[in-house]
Amino acid sequence: SPVTELREGWQEFTLRQWVWVTTLSFAVINAAGA
């Protein structure tokens, strides 16, 4: 189901530390720049 696939995507996103760390870091950078 789409909900299950969305959950799988979140698991893939959080599985790789470099992915979520970079995303979190650039959320702050984007907010400061904007």
PDB file of all heavy atoms in Angstrom:
ATOM      1  N   SER A   1       0.833  -1.196   0.000  1.00  0.00           N
ATOM      2  CA  SER A   1       0.000   0.000   0.000  1.00  0.00           C
ATOM      3  C   SER A   1       0.872   1.252   0.000  1.00  0.00           C
ATOM      4  O   SER A   1       2.027   1.222   0.436  1.00  0.00           O
ATOM      5  CB  SER A   1      -0.908   0.002   1.227  1.00  0.00           C
ATOM      6  OG  SER A   1      -0.137   0.230   2.400  1.00  0.00           O
ATOM      7  N   PRO A   2       0.318   2.393  -0.464  1.00  0.00           N
ATOM      8  CA  PRO A   2       1.090   3.641  -0.446  1.00  0.00           C
ATOM      9  C   PRO A   2       1.572   4.035   0.943  1.00  0.00           C
ATOM     10  O   PRO A   2       2.677   4.544   1.099  1.00  0.00           O
ATOM     11  CB  PRO A   2       0.089   4.664  -1.004  1.00  0.00           C
ATOM     12  CG  PRO A   2      -0.819   3.877  -1.874  1.00  0.00           C
ATOM     13  CD  PRO A   2      -0.956   2.550  -1.177  1.00  0.00           C
ATOM     14  N   VAL A   3       0.743   3.794   1.973  1.00  0.00           N
ATOM     15  CA  VAL A   3       1.152   4.136   3.336  1.00  0.00           C
ATOM     16  C   VAL A   3       2.362   3.306   3.750  1.00  0.00           C
ATOM     17  O   VAL A   3       3.323   3.804   4.359  1.00  0.00           O
ATOM     18  CB  VAL A   3      -0.015   3.927   4.323  1.00  0.00           C
ATOM     19  CG1 VAL A   3       0.450   4.129   5.762  1.00  0.00           C
ATOM     20  CG2 VAL A   3      -1.160   4.868   3.993  1.00  0.00           C
ATOM     21  N   THR A   4       2.339   2.018   3.410  1.00  0.00           N
ATOM     22  CA  THR A   4       3.476   1.145   3.724  1.00  0.00           C
ATOM     23  C   THR A   4       4.718   1.600   2.987  1.00  0.00           C
ATOM     24  O   THR A   4       5.825   1.613   3.547  1.00  0.00           O
ATOM     25  CB  THR A   4       3.147  -0.305   3.358  1.00  0.00           C
ATOM     26  OG1 THR A   4       1.987  -0.730   4.087  1.00  0.00           O
ATOM     27  CG2 THR A   4       4.305  -1.227   3.679  1.00  0.00           C
ATOM     28  N   GLU A   5       4.566   1.986   1.719  1.00  0.00           N
ATOM     29  CA  GLU A   5       5.713   2.441   0.944  1.00  0.00           C
ATOM     30  C   GLU A   5       6.253   3.754   1.492  1.00  0.00           C
ATOM     31  O   GLU A   5       7.463   3.993   1.475  1.00  0.00           O
ATOM     32  CB  GLU A   5       5.326   2.592  -0.525  1.00  0.00           C
ATOM     33  CG  GLU A   5       4.998   1.254  -1.170  1.00  0.00           C
ATOM     34  CD  GLU A   5       4.871   1.357  -2.677  1.00  0.00           C
ATOM     35  OE1 GLU A   5       5.041   2.468  -3.215  1.00  0.00           O
ATOM     36  OE2 GLU A   5       4.623   0.322  -3.313  1.00  0.00           O
ATOM     37  N   LEU A   6       5.361   4.602   1.992  1.00  0.00           N
ATOM     38  CA  LEU A   6       5.809   5.843   2.618  1.00  0.00           C
ATOM     39  C   LEU A   6       6.611   5.535   3.878  1.00  0.00           C
ATOM     40  O   LEU A   6       7.642   6.170   4.138  1.00  0.00           O
ATOM     41  CB  LEU A   6       4.593   6.711   2.950  1.00  0.00           C
ATOM     42  CG  LEU A   6       4.835   8.207   3.178  1.00  0.00           C
ATOM     43  CD1 LEU A   6       5.458   8.857   1.966  1.00  0.00           C
ATOM     44  CD2 LEU A   6       3.528   8.894   3.540  1.00  0.00           C
ATOM     45  N   ARG A   7       6.158   4.550   4.632  1.00  0.00           N
ATOM     46  CA  ARG A   7       6.884   4.147   5.842  1.00  0.00           C
ATOM     47  C   ARG A   7       8.237   3.542   5.465  1.00  0.00           C
ATOM     48  O   ARG A   7       9.247   3.797   6.130  1.00  0.00           O
ATOM     49  CB  ARG A   7       6.061   3.136   6.637  1.00  0.00           C
ATOM     50  CG  ARG A   7       6.619   2.843   8.023  1.00  0.00           C
ATOM     51  CD  ARG A   7       5.813   1.793   8.759  1.00  0.00           C
ATOM     52  NE  ARG A   7       4.405   2.154   8.826  1.00  0.00           N
ATOM     53  CZ  ARG A   7       3.421   1.468   8.286  1.00  0.00           C
ATOM     54  NH1 ARG A   7       3.691   0.358   7.615  1.00  0.00           N
ATOM     55  NH2 ARG A   7       2.167   1.859   8.396  1.00  0.00           N
ATOM     56  N   GLU A   8       8.272   2.754   4.396  1.00  0.00           N
ATOM     57  CA  GLU A   8       9.536   2.192   3.933  1.00  0.00           C
ATOM     58  C   GLU A   8      10.506   3.302   3.513  1.00  0.00           C
ATOM     59  O   GLU A   8      11.711   3.223   3.779  1.00  0.00           O
ATOM     60  CB  GLU A   8       9.293   1.257   2.743  1.00  0.00           C
ATOM     61  CG  GLU A   8       8.606  -0.048   3.105  1.00  0.00           C
ATOM     62  CD  GLU A   8       8.269  -0.854   1.867  1.00  0.00           C
ATOM     63  OE1 GLU A   8       8.510  -0.347   0.739  1.00  0.00           O
ATOM     64  OE2 GLU A   8       7.781  -1.984   2.010  1.00  0.00           O
ATOM     65  N   GLY A   9       9.968   4.331   2.880  1.00  0.00           N
ATOM     66  CA  GLY A   9      10.811   5.454   2.479  1.00  0.00           C
ATOM     67  C   GLY A   9      11.409   6.158   3.682  1.00  0.00           C
ATOM     68  O   GLY A   9      12.583   6.551   3.664  1.00  0.00           O
ATOM     69  N   TRP A  10      10.608   6.317   4.747  1.00  0.00           N
ATOM     70  CA  TRP A  10      11.113   6.945   5.970  1.00  0.00           C
ATOM     71  C   TRP A  10      12.207   6.083   6.605  1.00  0.00           C
ATOM     72  O   TRP A  10      13.218   6.599   7.097  1.00  0.00           O
ATOM     73  CB  TRP A  10       9.970   7.153   6.947  1.00  0.00           C
ATOM     74  CG  TRP A  10      10.414   7.712   8.262  1.00  0.00           C
ATOM     75  CD1 TRP A  10      10.454   7.069   9.465  1.00  0.00           C
ATOM     76  CD2 TRP A  10      10.894   9.035   8.512  1.00  0.00           C
ATOM     77  NE1 TRP A  10      10.928   7.899  10.443  1.00  0.00           N
ATOM     78  CE2 TRP A  10      11.212   9.118   9.892  1.00  0.00           C
ATOM     79  CE3 TRP A  10      11.086  10.161   7.704  1.00  0.00           C
ATOM     80  CZ2 TRP A  10      11.711  10.275  10.484  1.00  0.00           C
ATOM     81  CZ3 TRP A  10      11.576  11.319   8.297  1.00  0.00           C
ATOM     82  CH2 TRP A  10      11.890  11.370   9.661  1.00  0.00           C
ATOM     83  N   GLN A  11      12.017   4.773   6.576  1.00  0.00           N
ATOM     84  CA  GLN A  11      13.043   3.881   7.116  1.00  0.00           C
ATOM     85  C   GLN A  11      14.330   3.991   6.314  1.00  0.00           C
ATOM     86  O   GLN A  11      15.428   4.002   6.890  1.00  0.00           O
ATOM     87  CB  GLN A  11      12.519   2.432   7.107  1.00  0.00           C
ATOM     88  CG  GLN A  11      11.398   2.181   8.106  1.00  0.00           C
ATOM     89  CD  GLN A  11      10.764   0.820   7.949  1.00  0.00           C
ATOM     90  OE1 GLN A  11      10.964   0.130   6.947  1.00  0.00           O
ATOM     91  NE2 GLN A  11       9.967   0.424   8.940  1.00  0.00           N
ATOM     92  N   GLU A  12      14.212   4.069   4.986  1.00  0.00           N
ATOM     93  CA  GLU A  12      15.399   4.244   4.155  1.00  0.00           C
ATOM     94  C   GLU A  12      16.071   5.587   4.452  1.00  0.00           C
ATOM     95  O   GLU A  12      17.298   5.699   4.483  1.00  0.00           O
ATOM     96  CB  GLU A  12      15.017   4.177   2.673  1.00  0.00           C
ATOM     97  CG  GLU A  12      14.642   2.808   2.177  1.00  0.00           C
ATOM     98  CD  GLU A  12      15.844   1.877   2.117  1.00  0.00           C
ATOM     99  OE1 GLU A  12      16.948   2.357   1.790  1.00  0.00           O
ATOM    100  OE2 GLU A  12      15.677   0.681   2.413  1.00  0.00           O
ATOM    101  N   PHE A  13      15.268   6.607   4.658  1.00  0.00           N
ATOM    102  CA  PHE A  13      15.785   7.947   4.927  1.00  0.00           C
ATOM    103  C   PHE A  13      16.562   7.983   6.245  1.00  0.00           C
ATOM    104  O   PHE A  13      17.644   8.566   6.329  1.00  0.00           O
ATOM    105  CB  PHE A  13      14.610   8.933   4.967  1.00  0.00           C
ATOM    106  CG  PHE A  13      15.008  10.362   5.215  1.00  0.00           C
ATOM    107  CD1 PHE A  13      15.485  11.152   4.184  1.00  0.00           C
ATOM    108  CD2 PHE A  13      14.888  10.908   6.484  1.00  0.00           C
ATOM    109  CE1 PHE A  13      15.847  12.477   4.411  1.00  0.00           C
ATOM    110  CE2 PHE A  13      15.240  12.220   6.731  1.00  0.00           C
ATOM    111  CZ  PHE A  13      15.722  13.008   5.686  1.00  0.00           C
ATOM    112  N   THR A  14      16.019   7.353   7.281  1.00  0.00           N
ATOM    113  CA  THR A  14      16.659   7.388   8.601  1.00  0.00           C
ATOM    114  C   THR A  14      17.766   6.344   8.741  1.00  0.00           C
ATOM    115  O   THR A  14      18.612   6.457   9.632  1.00  0.00           O
ATOM    116  CB  THR A  14      15.625   7.165   9.709  1.00  0.00           C
ATOM    117  OG1 THR A  14      14.919   5.931   9.473  1.00  0.00           O
ATOM    118  CG2 THR A  14      14.618   8.315   9.738  1.00  0.00           C
ATOM    119  N   LEU A  15      17.775   5.327   7.873  1.00  0.00           N
ATOM    120  CA  LEU A  15      18.790   4.277   7.953  1.00  0.00           C
ATOM    121  C   LEU A  15      20.190   4.822   7.692  1.00  0.00           C
ATOM    122  O   LEU A  15      21.163   4.420   8.344  1.00  0.00           O
ATOM    123  CB  LEU A  15      18.463   3.163   6.943  1.00  0.00           C
ATOM    124  CG  LEU A  15      19.499   2.045   6.791  1.00  0.00           C
ATOM    125  CD1 LEU A  15      19.590   1.233   8.089  1.00  0.00           C
ATOM    126  CD2 LEU A  15      19.136   1.146   5.618  1.00  0.00           C
ATOM    127  N   ARG A  16      20.295   5.742   6.743  1.00  0.00           N
ATOM    128  CA  ARG A  16      21.595   6.301   6.368  1.00  0.00           C
ATOM    129  C   ARG A  16      21.824   7.591   7.151  1.00  0.00           C
ATOM    130  O   ARG A  16      21.203   8.611   6.865  1.00  0.00           O
ATOM    131  CB  ARG A  16      21.635   6.565   4.871  1.00  0.00           C
ATOM    132  CG  ARG A  16      21.537   5.297   4.038  1.00  0.00           C
ATOM    133  CD  ARG A  16      21.192   5.602   2.599  1.00  0.00           C
ATOM    134  NE  ARG A  16      21.271   4.422   1.774  1.00  0.00           N
ATOM    135  CZ  ARG A  16      20.319   3.496   1.684  1.00  0.00           C
ATOM    136  NH1 ARG A  16      19.207   3.651   2.393  1.00  0.00           N
ATOM    137  NH2 ARG A  16      20.468   2.445   0.916  1.00  0.00           N
ATOM    138  N   GLN A  17      22.759   7.538   8.067  1.00  0.00           N
ATOM    139  CA  GLN A  17      23.002   8.688   8.929  1.00  0.00           C
ATOM    140  C   GLN A  17      23.373   9.927   8.131  1.00  0.00           C
ATOM    141  O   GLN A  17      22.920  11.028   8.423  1.00  0.00           O
ATOM    142  CB  GLN A  17      24.107   8.364   9.943  1.00  0.00           C
ATOM    143  CG  GLN A  17      24.333   9.471  10.966  1.00  0.00           C
ATOM    144  CD  GLN A  17      25.571   9.228  11.792  1.00  0.00           C
ATOM    145  OE1 GLN A  17      26.683   9.281  11.285  1.00  0.00           O
ATOM    146  NE2 GLN A  17      25.387   8.925  13.072  1.00  0.00           N
ATOM    147  N   TRP A  18      24.184   9.761   7.095  1.00  0.00           N
ATOM    148  CA  TRP A  18      24.628  10.917   6.328  1.00  0.00           C
ATOM    149  C   TRP A  18      23.468  11.600   5.613  1.00  0.00           C
ATOM    150  O   TRP A  18      23.519  12.813   5.350  1.00  0.00           O
ATOM    151  CB  TRP A  18      25.712  10.524   5.327  1.00  0.00           C
ATOM    152  CG  TRP A  18      25.320   9.498   4.300  1.00  0.00           C
ATOM    153  CD1 TRP A  18      25.417   8.149   4.415  1.00  0.00           C
ATOM    154  CD2 TRP A  18      24.762   9.748   3.012  1.00  0.00           C
ATOM    155  NE1 TRP A  18      24.959   7.531   3.276  1.00  0.00           N
ATOM    156  CE2 TRP A  18      24.556   8.493   2.388  1.00  0.00           C
ATOM    157  CE3 TRP A  18      24.431  10.903   2.312  1.00  0.00           C
ATOM    158  CZ2 TRP A  18      24.033   8.364   1.113  1.00  0.00           C
ATOM    159  CZ3 TRP A  18      23.903  10.782   1.034  1.00  0.00           C
ATOM    160  CH2 TRP A  18      23.705   9.526   0.442  1.00  0.00           C
ATOM    161  N   VAL A  19      22.392  10.867   5.326  1.00  0.00           N
ATOM    162  CA  VAL A  19      21.236  11.462   4.644  1.00  0.00           C
ATOM    163  C   VAL A  19      20.466  12.368   5.595  1.00  0.00           C
ATOM    164  O   VAL A  19      20.231  13.551   5.313  1.00  0.00           O
ATOM    165  CB  VAL A  19      20.316  10.369   4.066  1.00  0.00           C
ATOM    166  CG1 VAL A  19      19.038  10.990   3.511  1.00  0.00           C
ATOM    167  CG2 VAL A  19      21.036   9.600   2.963  1.00  0.00           C
ATOM    168  N   TRP A  20      20.067  11.838   6.751  1.00  0.00           N
ATOM    169  CA  TRP A  20      19.229  12.652   7.635  1.00  0.00           C
ATOM    170  C   TRP A  20      20.030  13.742   8.339  1.00  0.00           C
ATOM    171  O   TRP A  20      19.493  14.830   8.607  1.00  0.00           O
ATOM    172  CB  TRP A  20      18.450  11.800   8.625  1.00  0.00           C
ATOM    173  CG  TRP A  20      19.226  11.012   9.638  1.00  0.00           C
ATOM    174  CD1 TRP A  20      19.557   9.694   9.577  1.00  0.00           C
ATOM    175  CD2 TRP A  20      19.738  11.487  10.894  1.00  0.00           C
ATOM    176  NE1 TRP A  20      20.256   9.307  10.699  1.00  0.00           N
ATOM    177  CE2 TRP A  20      20.376  10.393  11.531  1.00  0.00           C
ATOM    178  CE3 TRP A  20      19.709  12.712  11.548  1.00  0.00           C
ATOM    179  CZ2 TRP A  20      20.989  10.492  12.778  1.00  0.00           C
ATOM    180  CZ3 TRP A  20      20.321  12.833  12.790  1.00  0.00           C
ATOM    181  CH2 TRP A  20      20.949  11.737  13.393  1.00  0.00           C
ATOM    182  N   VAL A  21      21.302  13.499   8.598  1.00  0.00           N
ATOM    183  CA  VAL A  21      22.130  14.538   9.201  1.00  0.00           C
ATOM    184  C   VAL A  21      22.287  15.717   8.238  1.00  0.00           C
ATOM    185  O   VAL A  21      22.157  16.885   8.633  1.00  0.00           O
ATOM    186  CB  VAL A  21      23.506  13.967   9.603  1.00  0.00           C
ATOM    187  CG1 VAL A  21      24.505  15.095   9.856  1.00  0.00           C
ATOM    188  CG2 VAL A  21      23.378  13.107  10.850  1.00  0.00           C
ATOM    189  N   THR A  22      22.542  15.418   6.987  1.00  0.00           N
ATOM    190  CA  THR A  22      22.706  16.484   5.992  1.00  0.00           C
ATOM    191  C   THR A  22      21.395  17.235   5.786  1.00  0.00           C
ATOM    192  O   THR A  22      21.380  18.467   5.699  1.00  0.00           O
ATOM    193  CB  THR A  22      23.197  15.902   4.650  1.00  0.00           C
ATOM    194  OG1 THR A  22      24.395  15.157   4.871  1.00  0.00           O
ATOM    195  CG2 THR A  22      23.467  17.003   3.650  1.00  0.00           C
ATOM    196  N   THR A  23      20.283  16.515   5.714  1.00  0.00           N
ATOM    197  CA  THR A  23      18.983  17.163   5.544  1.00  0.00           C
ATOM    198  C   THR A  23      18.666  18.082   6.716  1.00  0.00           C
ATOM    199  O   THR A  23      18.206  19.223   6.527  1.00  0.00           O
ATOM    200  CB  THR A  23      17.878  16.105   5.395  1.00  0.00           C
ATOM    201  OG1 THR A  23      18.146  15.291   4.256  1.00  0.00           O
ATOM    202  CG2 THR A  23      16.520  16.766   5.222  1.00  0.00           C
ATOM    203  N   LEU A  24      18.907  17.612   7.931  1.00  0.00           N
ATOM    204  CA  LEU A  24      18.656  18.431   9.118  1.00  0.00           C
ATOM    205  C   LEU A  24      19.543  19.670   9.120  1.00  0.00           C
ATOM    206  O   LEU A  24      19.086  20.783   9.414  1.00  0.00           O
ATOM    207  CB  LEU A  24      18.899  17.597  10.373  1.00  0.00           C
ATOM    208  CG  LEU A  24      18.653  18.290  11.720  1.00  0.00           C
ATOM    209  CD1 LEU A  24      17.201  18.740  11.831  1.00  0.00           C
ATOM    210  CD2 LEU A  24      19.020  17.362  12.876  1.00  0.00           C
ATOM    211  N   SER A  25      20.812  19.487   8.781  1.00  0.00           N
ATOM    212  CA  SER A  25      21.746  20.615   8.745  1.00  0.00           C
ATOM    213  C   SER A  25      21.303  21.667   7.741  1.00  0.00           C
ATOM    214  O   SER A  25      21.294  22.873   8.031  1.00  0.00           O
ATOM    215  CB  SER A  25      23.149  20.104   8.405  1.00  0.00           C
ATOM    216  OG  SER A  25      24.040  21.181   8.220  1.00  0.00           O
ATOM    217  N   PHE A  26      20.884  21.225   6.567  1.00  0.00           N
ATOM    218  CA  PHE A  26      20.519  22.187   5.537  1.00  0.00           C
ATOM    219  C   PHE A  26      19.121  22.756   5.723  1.00  0.00           C
ATOM    220  O   PHE A  26      18.789  23.787   5.126  1.00  0.00           O
ATOM    221  CB  PHE A  26      20.705  21.571   4.142  1.00  0.00           C
ATOM    222  CG  PHE A  26      22.114  21.702   3.673  1.00  0.00           C
ATOM    223  CD1 PHE A  26      23.072  20.801   4.074  1.00  0.00           C
ATOM    224  CD2 PHE A  26      22.506  22.772   2.890  1.00  0.00           C
ATOM    225  CE1 PHE A  26      24.392  20.940   3.687  1.00  0.00           C
ATOM    226  CE2 PHE A  26      23.810  22.924   2.496  1.00  0.00           C
ATOM    227  CZ  PHE A  26      24.765  22.010   2.894  1.00  0.00           C
ATOM    228  N   ALA A  27      18.312  22.132   6.545  1.00  0.00           N
ATOM    229  CA  ALA A  27      17.059  22.779   6.928  1.00  0.00           C
ATOM    230  C   ALA A  27      17.365  24.065   7.687  1.00  0.00           C
ATOM    231  O   ALA A  27      16.752  25.117   7.450  1.00  0.00           O
ATOM    232  CB  ALA A  27      16.218  21.832   7.774  1.00  0.00           C
ATOM    233  N   VAL A  28      18.342  23.991   8.589  1.00  0.00           N
ATOM    234  CA  VAL A  28      18.750  25.186   9.345  1.00  0.00           C
ATOM    235  C   VAL A  28      19.406  26.208   8.427  1.00  0.00           C
ATOM    236  O   VAL A  28      19.122  27.415   8.492  1.00  0.00           O
ATOM    237  CB  VAL A  28      19.709  24.793  10.488  1.00  0.00           C
ATOM    238  CG1 VAL A  28      20.187  26.037  11.233  1.00  0.00           C
ATOM    239  CG2 VAL A  28      19.033  23.826  11.447  1.00  0.00           C
ATOM    240  N   ILE A  29      20.297  25.744   7.545  1.00  0.00           N
ATOM    241  CA  ILE A  29      20.977  26.650   6.616  1.00  0.00           C
ATOM    242  C   ILE A  29      19.974  27.347   5.698  1.00  0.00           C
ATOM    243  O   ILE A  29      20.056  28.559   5.460  1.00  0.00           O
ATOM    244  CB  ILE A  29      22.032  25.885   5.791  1.00  0.00           C
ATOM    245  CG1 ILE A  29      23.167  25.418   6.700  1.00  0.00           C
ATOM    246  CG2 ILE A  29      22.581  26.749   4.654  1.00  0.00           C
ATOM    247  CD1 ILE A  29      24.168  24.507   6.017  1.00  0.00           C
ATOM    248  N   ASN A  30      19.008  26.598   5.186  1.00  0.00           N
ATOM    249  CA  ASN A  30      17.994  27.187   4.311  1.00  0.00           C
ATOM    250  C   ASN A  30      17.144  28.218   5.039  1.00  0.00           C
ATOM    251  O   ASN A  30      16.805  29.269   4.486  1.00  0.00           O
ATOM    252  CB  ASN A  30      17.086  26.090   3.740  1.00  0.00           C
ATOM    253  CG  ASN A  30      17.801  25.231   2.715  1.00  0.00           C
ATOM    254  OD1 ASN A  30      18.833  25.614   2.184  1.00  0.00           O
ATOM    255  ND2 ASN A  30      17.259  24.054   2.446  1.00  0.00           N
ATOM    256  N   ALA A  31      16.789  27.907   6.289  1.00  0.00           N
ATOM    257  CA  ALA A  31      15.986  28.848   7.069  1.00  0.00           C
ATOM    258  C   ALA A  31      16.760  30.130   7.326  1.00  0.00           C
ATOM    259  O   ALA A  31      16.225  31.244   7.176  1.00  0.00           O
ATOM    260  CB  ALA A  31      15.573  28.206   8.400  1.00  0.00           C
ATOM    261  N   ALA A  32      18.035  30.008   7.703  1.00  0.00           N
ATOM    262  CA  ALA A  32      18.861  31.189   7.963  1.00  0.00           C
ATOM    263  C   ALA A  32      19.063  32.008   6.700  1.00  0.00           C
ATOM    264  O   ALA A  32      18.971  33.243   6.716  1.00  0.00           O
ATOM    265  CB  ALA A  32      20.210  30.760   8.545  1.00  0.00           C
ATOM    266  N   GLY A  33      19.312  31.322   5.576  1.00  0.00           N
ATOM    267  CA  GLY A  33      19.524  32.040   4.318  1.00  0.00           C
ATOM    268  C   GLY A  33      18.265  32.714   3.815  1.00  0.00           C
ATOM    269  O   GLY A  33      18.303  33.860   3.349  1.00  0.00           O
ATOM    270  N   ALA A  34      17.126  32.028   3.906  1.00  0.00           N
ATOM    271  CA  ALA A  34      15.872  32.605   3.435  1.00  0.00           C
ATOM    272  C   ALA A  34      15.479  33.830   4.245  1.00  0.00           C
ATOM    273  O   ALA A  34      15.086  34.866   3.694  1.00  0.00           O
ATOM    274  CB  ALA A  34      14.760  31.560   3.489  1.00  0.00           C
TER     275      ALA A  34
END
